[in-house]
Protein backbone atom coordinates (compact mmCIF):
# COMPACT_ATOMS: atom_id res chain seq x y z
CA MET A 1 22.73 96.83 54.62
CA ALA A 2 23.78 98.76 51.42
CA THR A 3 26.24 98.07 48.53
CA MET A 4 27.27 99.95 45.48
CA MET A 5 28.72 97.96 42.76
CA ARG A 6 30.37 100.21 40.27
CA GLY A 7 29.06 98.20 37.05
CA GLN A 8 26.77 94.98 37.05
CA ASP A 9 26.35 91.75 34.60
CA VAL A 10 22.42 91.56 35.03
CA TRP A 11 22.62 87.74 33.30
CA ILE A 12 25.50 86.22 35.41
CA GLY A 13 27.29 88.72 37.94
CA MET A 14 23.56 90.41 39.50
CA PRO A 15 22.14 86.44 40.54
CA TYR A 16 25.01 85.55 42.23
CA ASP A 17 25.86 89.31 44.35
CA VAL A 18 22.38 89.58 45.07
CA PHE A 19 22.64 85.74 47.26
CA PHE A 20 26.53 86.54 48.36
CA TYR A 21 25.10 90.00 50.02
CA THR A 22 21.88 88.84 50.90
CA VAL A 23 23.54 85.86 53.10
CA LEU A 24 26.06 88.13 54.23
CA HIS A 25 23.09 90.63 55.38
CA GLU A 26 21.27 87.55 57.25
CA LEU A 27 24.45 86.47 59.09
CA VAL A 28 25.67 89.80 60.37
CA ALA A 29 21.76 90.40 61.58
CA GLY A 30 22.26 87.14 63.41
CA TRP A 31 26.01 87.88 64.57
CA LEU A 32 25.09 91.16 66.23
CA ASP A 33 21.48 89.84 67.39
CA ALA A 34 20.08 92.70 65.64
CA GLU A 35 16.61 92.61 63.43
CA LEU A 36 17.18 92.07 59.99
CA GLY A 37 16.92 95.42 58.15
CA LYS A 38 16.71 96.50 54.30
CA PHE A 39 19.19 95.31 51.90
CA HIS A 40 19.43 98.36 49.01
CA LEU A 41 21.89 96.86 46.16
CA HIS A 42 23.23 100.49 44.06
CA ILE A 43 24.26 99.51 40.82
CA GLY A 44 26.22 102.17 38.69
CA SER A 45 26.16 100.11 35.30
CA LEU A 46 23.74 97.57 34.43
CA HIS A 47 24.49 95.86 31.76
CA ILE A 48 23.94 92.42 29.65
CA TYR A 49 26.41 90.82 27.06
CA ASP A 50 25.84 90.31 23.36
CA GLU A 51 26.36 86.47 24.17
CA HIS A 52 23.18 86.53 26.87
CA ILE A 53 21.01 88.76 25.01
CA GLU A 54 19.15 85.38 23.31
CA GLN A 55 18.71 83.36 26.32
CA ALA A 56 17.34 86.73 28.07
CA ASP A 57 15.06 87.09 25.14
CA ALA A 58 13.93 84.10 25.54
CA LEU A 59 12.63 84.14 29.52
CA THR A 60 9.28 85.10 28.87
CA SER A 61 7.70 85.50 32.33
CA LEU A 62 9.82 86.30 35.87
CA SER A 63 7.63 85.35 38.81
CA ALA A 64 9.39 85.53 42.60
CA SER A 65 10.80 82.19 44.04
CA GLU A 66 10.12 81.10 47.45
CA ILE A 67 11.52 82.77 50.22
CA MET A 68 14.55 80.80 51.29
CA PRO A 69 14.01 80.13 55.13
CA ASP A 70 16.30 82.75 57.25
CA LEU A 71 20.12 81.89 57.98
CA ARG A 72 20.70 84.08 61.22
CA THR A 73 22.49 82.14 64.02
CA PRO A 74 24.51 83.51 66.54
CA TRP A 75 28.43 83.72 65.96
CA THR A 76 29.06 81.18 68.82
CA GLY A 77 29.12 77.95 67.72
CA PHE A 78 29.06 79.62 63.94
CA SER A 79 32.33 77.56 63.36
CA GLY A 80 30.89 74.11 64.05
CA LEU A 81 27.82 74.80 62.30
CA LEU A 82 29.75 75.29 58.74
CA ASP A 83 31.65 72.22 60.31
CA GLN A 84 28.13 70.51 59.98
CA VAL A 85 26.99 72.06 56.83
CA GLU A 86 30.24 70.93 55.01
CA ALA A 87 29.97 67.61 56.02
CA GLY A 88 26.52 67.65 55.24
CA ASP A 89 24.95 66.51 58.60
CA VAL A 90 21.60 67.63 59.96
CA THR A 91 21.88 71.34 61.92
CA GLY A 92 18.09 71.11 62.69
CA HIS A 93 18.41 74.92 61.30
CA PRO A 94 15.77 75.03 58.32
CA GLY A 95 17.64 77.29 55.90
CA TRP A 96 21.42 75.62 56.81
CA ASP A 97 19.98 71.84 56.15
CA ALA A 98 18.87 73.24 52.74
CA MET A 99 22.60 75.09 52.28
CA ALA A 100 23.82 71.44 53.40
CA GLU A 101 21.66 69.11 50.94
CA THR A 102 22.36 71.91 48.02
CA LEU A 103 26.11 71.62 48.38
CA CYS A 104 25.79 67.77 48.91
CA SER A 105 24.21 67.52 45.90
CA TYR A 106 26.26 69.83 43.69
CA ARG A 107 29.65 68.15 45.15
CA LEU A 108 27.84 65.09 43.82
CA TRP A 109 27.17 67.09 40.28
CA LYS A 110 31.30 68.08 40.22
CA ASP A 111 32.32 64.12 40.98
CA GLY A 112 30.36 63.44 37.76
CA ALA A 113 27.18 61.29 39.73
CA HIS A 114 24.60 63.26 37.81
CA GLU A 115 21.92 61.03 38.43
CA GLN A 116 22.82 61.22 42.20
CA ALA A 117 23.10 64.84 42.00
CA TRP A 118 19.51 64.86 40.26
CA GLY A 119 17.93 62.64 42.67
CA ALA A 120 19.41 64.57 46.10
CA ALA A 121 18.30 68.13 44.22
CA TYR A 122 14.58 66.72 43.91
CA THR A 123 15.10 66.04 47.65
CA ILE A 124 15.40 69.43 48.70
CA ASP A 125 13.01 71.71 50.09
CA GLY A 126 12.52 75.52 49.60
CA PRO A 127 13.90 77.47 46.75
CA LEU A 128 16.83 75.58 46.49
CA GLY A 129 16.13 72.76 45.29
CA PRO A 130 14.32 73.66 42.24
CA ALA A 131 17.23 76.42 41.44
CA LEU A 132 19.36 73.38 41.45
CA THR A 133 17.75 70.91 39.73
CA ALA A 134 17.26 73.75 36.74
CA TRP A 135 21.09 74.72 36.86
CA TYR A 136 21.54 71.03 36.40
CA GLY A 137 19.56 71.35 33.51
CA GLU A 138 21.20 74.20 32.27
CA LEU A 139 24.81 72.70 32.41
CA GLU A 140 23.09 69.76 30.70
CA ARG A 141 21.91 72.20 27.77
CA ARG A 142 25.11 73.76 27.51
CA SER A 143 26.69 70.55 27.54
CA GLY A 144 24.60 69.64 24.18
CA LYS A 145 22.86 66.15 27.14
CA ARG A 146 19.08 66.27 27.15
CA ALA A 147 17.73 67.22 30.49
CA ALA A 148 15.26 65.52 32.78
CA THR A 149 12.05 67.95 33.36
CA THR A 150 9.57 67.04 36.17
CA GLY A 151 10.17 63.91 38.89
CA ALA A 152 13.36 62.41 39.89
CA ARG A 153 15.70 60.57 37.16
C-alpha cells in the first residue's frame, strides 16, 4: 500500500495518519484474504510547527514500540466485530480486543472518569496500554494536573 501526503506535520498529524493508514492496510488485506504487503508513506513537505519545537527537542530518545497484534479480519462478520468492539465486548481477536479496551478506557476519560480510565489503560496488553497512559499523562500535563507515572492509580 502506498499513500501520498502533500504536506505532513511530523508532531501531530504523522502519528495519527501512520496509525490510520496501517490499520486500513491490514483491514483491506484481511477483507481480500491477501498477504499483508509493505506500507509506503510518501510526503511532499514534512514539517513541524514552532509551537511543537520545544516538545520535540525534549524528546531525547526514541525506541520502536512493541508491534500491535494483527488486525486482519475477513469482511464477512466485520460489522458484527465492530459492534462488539464498540460495546467493549471480548471478540476473541487479540488486536481487536485491545482496541475495544482502549476505546472503553478513552470513553471513561472523555466522560470525566479519569481514575477509572487510568486503571483500565494499565490493564491493556500490548503497545496500546502504554501509549494510552502516556496520552493521559500528556492530557493532564496540558491541563496543569499532576500525571501518574507508574502503576495503577
